[in-house]
Amino acid sequence: MFVAGRKRLTREDWAAAALTALGEGGLSAVAVEPIAVRLGATKGSFYWHFANRDALVEAALTLWEQRNTTDVITAAAAAPDALGALRALVSQVLHSATAAADDPGAVEPALQAGAGHPLVGPTLERVSRRRLEHLQTMFAELGFDRDEAARRGLAAFTAYLGHVQIARATPALLPRGADLTAYIDSLITTLTTPGSTRGAA
């Protein structure tokens, strides 16, 4: 939540507010006047930092990529081994999928829905490639050959995207608490057991 006040707003304040709006109402909700009201600011503050709405969208996308990809990868890398890193990554992203509208997990479906936008589409493709390459590297570190690591990385990524979509559309269907932990354990076992993904469509 953003608190109205007279403090000098930064470019990141505007970008973070745009992410919140995006998670709540999709790309069309990223509009200068409503975000200014949310921040207790004027349009003059906006134009101090941005030339136009597209520049705000671009800043929001940059912040989303930082939070939802760069920071997640960095945090998972602190695990003591490859399996721990994969578990940390999967746990973080699946838990984020059920968080508040300004959490990166809530923004993801809105970006997927707006993939036709000239700024959103290329960002999604770049971020998706980066995520898949990182996942492939993680599975390679677990001992899978290049092709199998790529398949398992794709399986993990699509599991995340499916979880995010269900979290937004029908959240009651998803496990919570201890059940979510058990689900994550089961998913990790499936993704890391040799031969477990062979023959999958």
Protein backbone atom coordinates (compact mmCIF):
# COMPACT_ATOMS: atom_id res chain seq x y z
CA MET A 1 0.00 0.00 0.00
CA PHE A 2 1.24 3.50 -0.82
CA VAL A 3 0.74 6.27 1.69
CA ALA A 4 -0.18 9.74 0.47
CA GLY A 5 2.12 12.45 1.71
CA ARG A 6 4.42 15.27 0.76
CA LYS A 7 7.63 13.34 0.53
CA ARG A 8 9.49 13.63 -2.75
CA LEU A 9 8.51 10.65 -4.87
CA THR A 10 11.15 8.70 -6.73
CA ARG A 11 11.00 7.03 -10.11
CA GLU A 12 10.80 3.68 -8.29
CA ASP A 13 7.82 4.88 -6.22
CA TRP A 14 5.95 5.48 -9.48
CA ALA A 15 7.11 2.17 -10.97
CA ALA A 16 6.04 0.25 -7.84
CA ALA A 17 2.63 1.94 -7.88
CA ALA A 18 2.28 1.03 -11.55
CA LEU A 19 3.02 -2.61 -10.68
CA THR A 20 0.30 -2.54 -8.04
CA ALA A 21 -2.16 -1.10 -10.54
CA LEU A 22 -1.11 -3.69 -13.10
CA GLY A 23 -1.70 -6.54 -10.67
CA GLU A 24 -5.09 -5.16 -9.70
CA GLY A 25 -6.51 -4.22 -13.08
CA GLY A 26 -4.21 -5.24 -15.91
CA LEU A 27 -2.23 -3.08 -18.29
CA SER A 28 -5.10 -0.65 -18.85
CA ALA A 29 -4.98 0.23 -15.13
CA VAL A 30 -1.51 1.72 -15.57
CA ALA A 31 -2.83 5.27 -16.02
CA VAL A 32 -1.13 8.43 -14.80
CA GLU A 33 -4.01 10.19 -13.02
CA PRO A 34 -5.25 7.23 -10.90
CA ILE A 35 -1.68 6.35 -9.93
CA ALA A 36 -1.02 9.98 -8.98
CA VAL A 37 -4.09 9.85 -6.71
CA ARG A 38 -2.82 6.59 -5.17
CA LEU A 39 0.50 8.25 -4.43
CA GLY A 40 -0.99 11.56 -3.27
CA ALA A 41 0.95 13.25 -6.06
CA THR A 42 0.34 15.50 -9.03
CA LYS A 43 0.86 14.80 -12.71
CA GLY A 44 3.76 17.24 -12.48
CA SER A 45 5.57 14.73 -10.26
CA PHE A 46 5.00 12.07 -12.92
CA TYR A 47 6.41 14.22 -15.72
CA TRP A 48 9.45 15.02 -13.60
CA HIS A 49 10.42 11.34 -13.89
CA PHE A 50 8.77 10.13 -17.11
CA ALA A 51 8.20 11.49 -20.58
CA ASN A 52 4.96 9.56 -21.08
CA ARG A 53 2.92 6.53 -20.01
CA ASP A 54 5.05 4.12 -22.06
CA ALA A 55 8.08 5.20 -20.05
CA LEU A 56 6.19 4.36 -16.85
CA VAL A 57 5.19 0.96 -18.25
CA GLU A 58 8.82 0.30 -19.17
CA ALA A 59 10.00 1.26 -15.66
CA ALA A 60 7.37 -1.01 -14.12
CA LEU A 61 8.50 -3.88 -16.32
CA THR A 62 12.12 -3.30 -15.32
CA LEU A 63 11.15 -3.36 -11.64
CA TRP A 64 9.06 -6.51 -12.14
CA GLU A 65 11.98 -8.27 -13.83
CA GLN A 66 14.29 -7.25 -10.99
CA ARG A 67 11.89 -8.47 -8.28
CA ASN A 68 10.51 -11.55 -9.96
CA THR A 69 13.59 -12.88 -11.73
CA THR A 70 16.91 -11.33 -10.71
CA ASP A 71 16.15 -11.18 -6.98
CA VAL A 72 14.59 -14.66 -6.95
CA ILE A 73 17.58 -16.21 -8.71
CA THR A 74 19.98 -14.44 -6.35
CA ALA A 75 18.09 -15.57 -3.24
CA ALA A 76 17.91 -19.20 -4.39
CA ALA A 77 21.64 -19.21 -5.16
CA ALA A 78 22.36 -18.83 -1.43
CA ALA A 79 21.30 -22.47 -0.86
CA PRO A 80 24.13 -24.85 0.03
CA ASP A 81 23.65 -27.19 -2.95
CA ALA A 82 21.88 -27.52 -6.31
CA LEU A 83 18.86 -29.38 -4.91
CA GLY A 84 18.45 -26.82 -2.15
CA ALA A 85 18.64 -24.01 -4.70
CA LEU A 86 15.92 -25.60 -6.82
CA ARG A 87 13.71 -26.15 -3.77
CA ALA A 88 14.22 -22.55 -2.63
CA LEU A 89 13.37 -21.24 -6.08
CA VAL A 90 10.21 -23.33 -6.48
CA SER A 91 9.04 -22.58 -2.95
CA GLN A 92 9.53 -18.83 -3.33
CA VAL A 93 7.72 -18.50 -6.66
CA LEU A 94 4.78 -20.73 -5.70
CA HIS A 95 4.27 -18.92 -2.42
CA SER A 96 4.44 -15.57 -4.23
CA ALA A 97 1.64 -16.67 -6.54
CA THR A 98 -0.87 -16.34 -3.71
CA ALA A 99 0.34 -12.98 -2.41
CA ALA A 100 -1.12 -9.48 -2.70
CA ALA A 101 -1.73 -7.64 -5.95
CA ASP A 102 1.56 -5.72 -5.81
CA ASP A 103 3.57 -8.93 -5.48
CA PRO A 104 5.33 -10.01 -8.68
CA GLY A 105 3.38 -13.26 -8.68
CA ALA A 106 0.13 -11.30 -9.05
CA VAL A 107 1.50 -9.19 -11.88
CA GLU A 108 2.48 -12.18 -14.03
CA PRO A 109 -1.02 -13.09 -15.32
CA ALA A 110 -1.70 -9.46 -16.19
CA LEU A 111 1.49 -9.33 -18.22
CA GLN A 112 0.64 -12.60 -19.95
CA ALA A 113 -2.75 -11.14 -20.88
CA GLY A 114 -1.02 -8.02 -22.23
CA ALA A 115 1.62 -9.89 -24.24
CA GLY A 116 0.52 -8.12 -27.44
CA HIS A 117 1.73 -4.77 -26.11
CA PRO A 118 4.95 -3.66 -27.87
CA LEU A 119 6.78 -3.24 -24.55
CA VAL A 120 5.30 -6.18 -22.66
CA GLY A 121 5.75 -8.86 -25.32
CA PRO A 122 9.53 -8.50 -25.76
CA THR A 123 10.00 -8.25 -22.00
CA LEU A 124 8.06 -11.47 -21.41
CA GLU A 125 10.07 -13.27 -24.07
CA ARG A 126 13.41 -12.09 -22.67
CA VAL A 127 12.48 -12.88 -19.07
CA SER A 128 11.05 -16.28 -20.02
CA ARG A 129 14.22 -17.20 -21.89
CA ARG A 130 16.33 -16.12 -18.94
CA ARG A 131 14.24 -18.18 -16.53
CA LEU A 132 14.35 -21.26 -18.74
CA GLU A 133 18.12 -20.96 -19.21
CA HIS A 134 18.56 -20.65 -15.45
CA LEU A 135 16.35 -23.67 -14.79
CA GLN A 136 18.24 -25.67 -17.42
CA THR A 137 21.49 -24.79 -15.65
CA MET A 138 20.04 -25.90 -12.31
CA PHE A 139 18.98 -29.28 -13.68
CA ALA A 140 22.33 -29.71 -15.40
CA GLU A 141 23.99 -29.14 -12.02
CA LEU A 142 21.79 -31.95 -10.69
CA GLY A 143 23.35 -34.30 -13.24
CA PHE A 144 20.91 -34.28 -16.17
CA ASP A 145 22.23 -33.99 -19.70
CA ARG A 146 21.52 -30.85 -21.73
CA ASP A 147 18.33 -32.07 -23.43
CA GLU A 148 16.84 -33.59 -20.29
CA ALA A 149 17.77 -30.50 -18.26
CA ALA A 150 15.95 -28.36 -20.83
CA ARG A 151 12.84 -30.57 -20.64
CA ARG A 152 12.75 -30.49 -16.87
CA GLY A 153 13.35 -26.75 -16.82
CA LEU A 154 10.37 -26.27 -19.14
CA ALA A 155 8.24 -28.56 -16.94
CA ALA A 156 9.14 -26.50 -13.87
CA PHE A 157 8.41 -23.22 -15.63
CA THR A 158 5.04 -24.32 -16.97
CA ALA A 159 4.11 -25.67 -13.53
CA TYR A 160 4.78 -22.20 -12.13
CA LEU A 161 2.75 -20.45 -14.83
CA GLY A 162 -0.16 -22.82 -14.28
CA HIS A 163 -0.01 -22.25 -10.53
CA VAL A 164 -0.07 -18.48 -11.07
CA GLN A 165 -3.11 -18.67 -13.36
CA ILE A 166 -5.05 -20.86 -10.92
CA ALA A 167 -4.08 -18.56 -8.03
CA ARG A 168 -5.70 -15.64 -9.82
CA ALA A 169 -8.74 -17.39 -11.30
CA THR A 170 -9.73 -20.09 -8.79
CA PRO A 171 -7.44 -19.76 -5.73
CA ALA A 172 -9.53 -22.11 -3.58
CA LEU A 173 -8.25 -25.00 -5.70
CA LEU A 174 -4.66 -24.52 -4.58
CA PRO A 175 -3.08 -26.05 -1.45
CA ARG A 176 -2.15 -23.82 1.47
CA GLY A 177 0.13 -24.08 4.47
CA ALA A 178 1.36 -27.61 5.15
CA ASP A 179 -0.47 -28.89 2.06
CA LEU A 180 1.43 -26.43 -0.12
CA THR A 181 4.71 -27.58 1.42
CA ALA A 182 3.79 -31.20 0.69
CA TYR A 183 2.85 -30.26 -2.87
CA ILE A 184 6.20 -28.53 -3.38
CA ASP A 185 8.01 -31.61 -2.02
CA SER A 186 6.09 -33.80 -4.47
CA LEU A 187 6.83 -31.47 -7.38
CA ILE A 188 10.54 -31.38 -6.57
CA THR A 189 10.60 -35.19 -6.37
CA THR A 190 8.89 -35.47 -9.76
CA LEU A 191 11.23 -32.95 -11.37
CA THR A 192 14.42 -34.50 -10.01
CA THR A 193 13.75 -38.25 -10.20
CA PRO A 194 15.53 -39.77 -13.22
CA GLY A 195 13.04 -40.92 -15.85
CA SER A 196 10.07 -39.25 -14.13
CA THR A 197 9.31 -36.84 -16.99
CA ARG A 198 9.90 -39.21 -19.91
CA GLY A 199 6.92 -39.68 -22.15
CA ALA A 200 5.19 -36.54 -20.87
CA ALA A 201 3.36 -34.58 -23.55
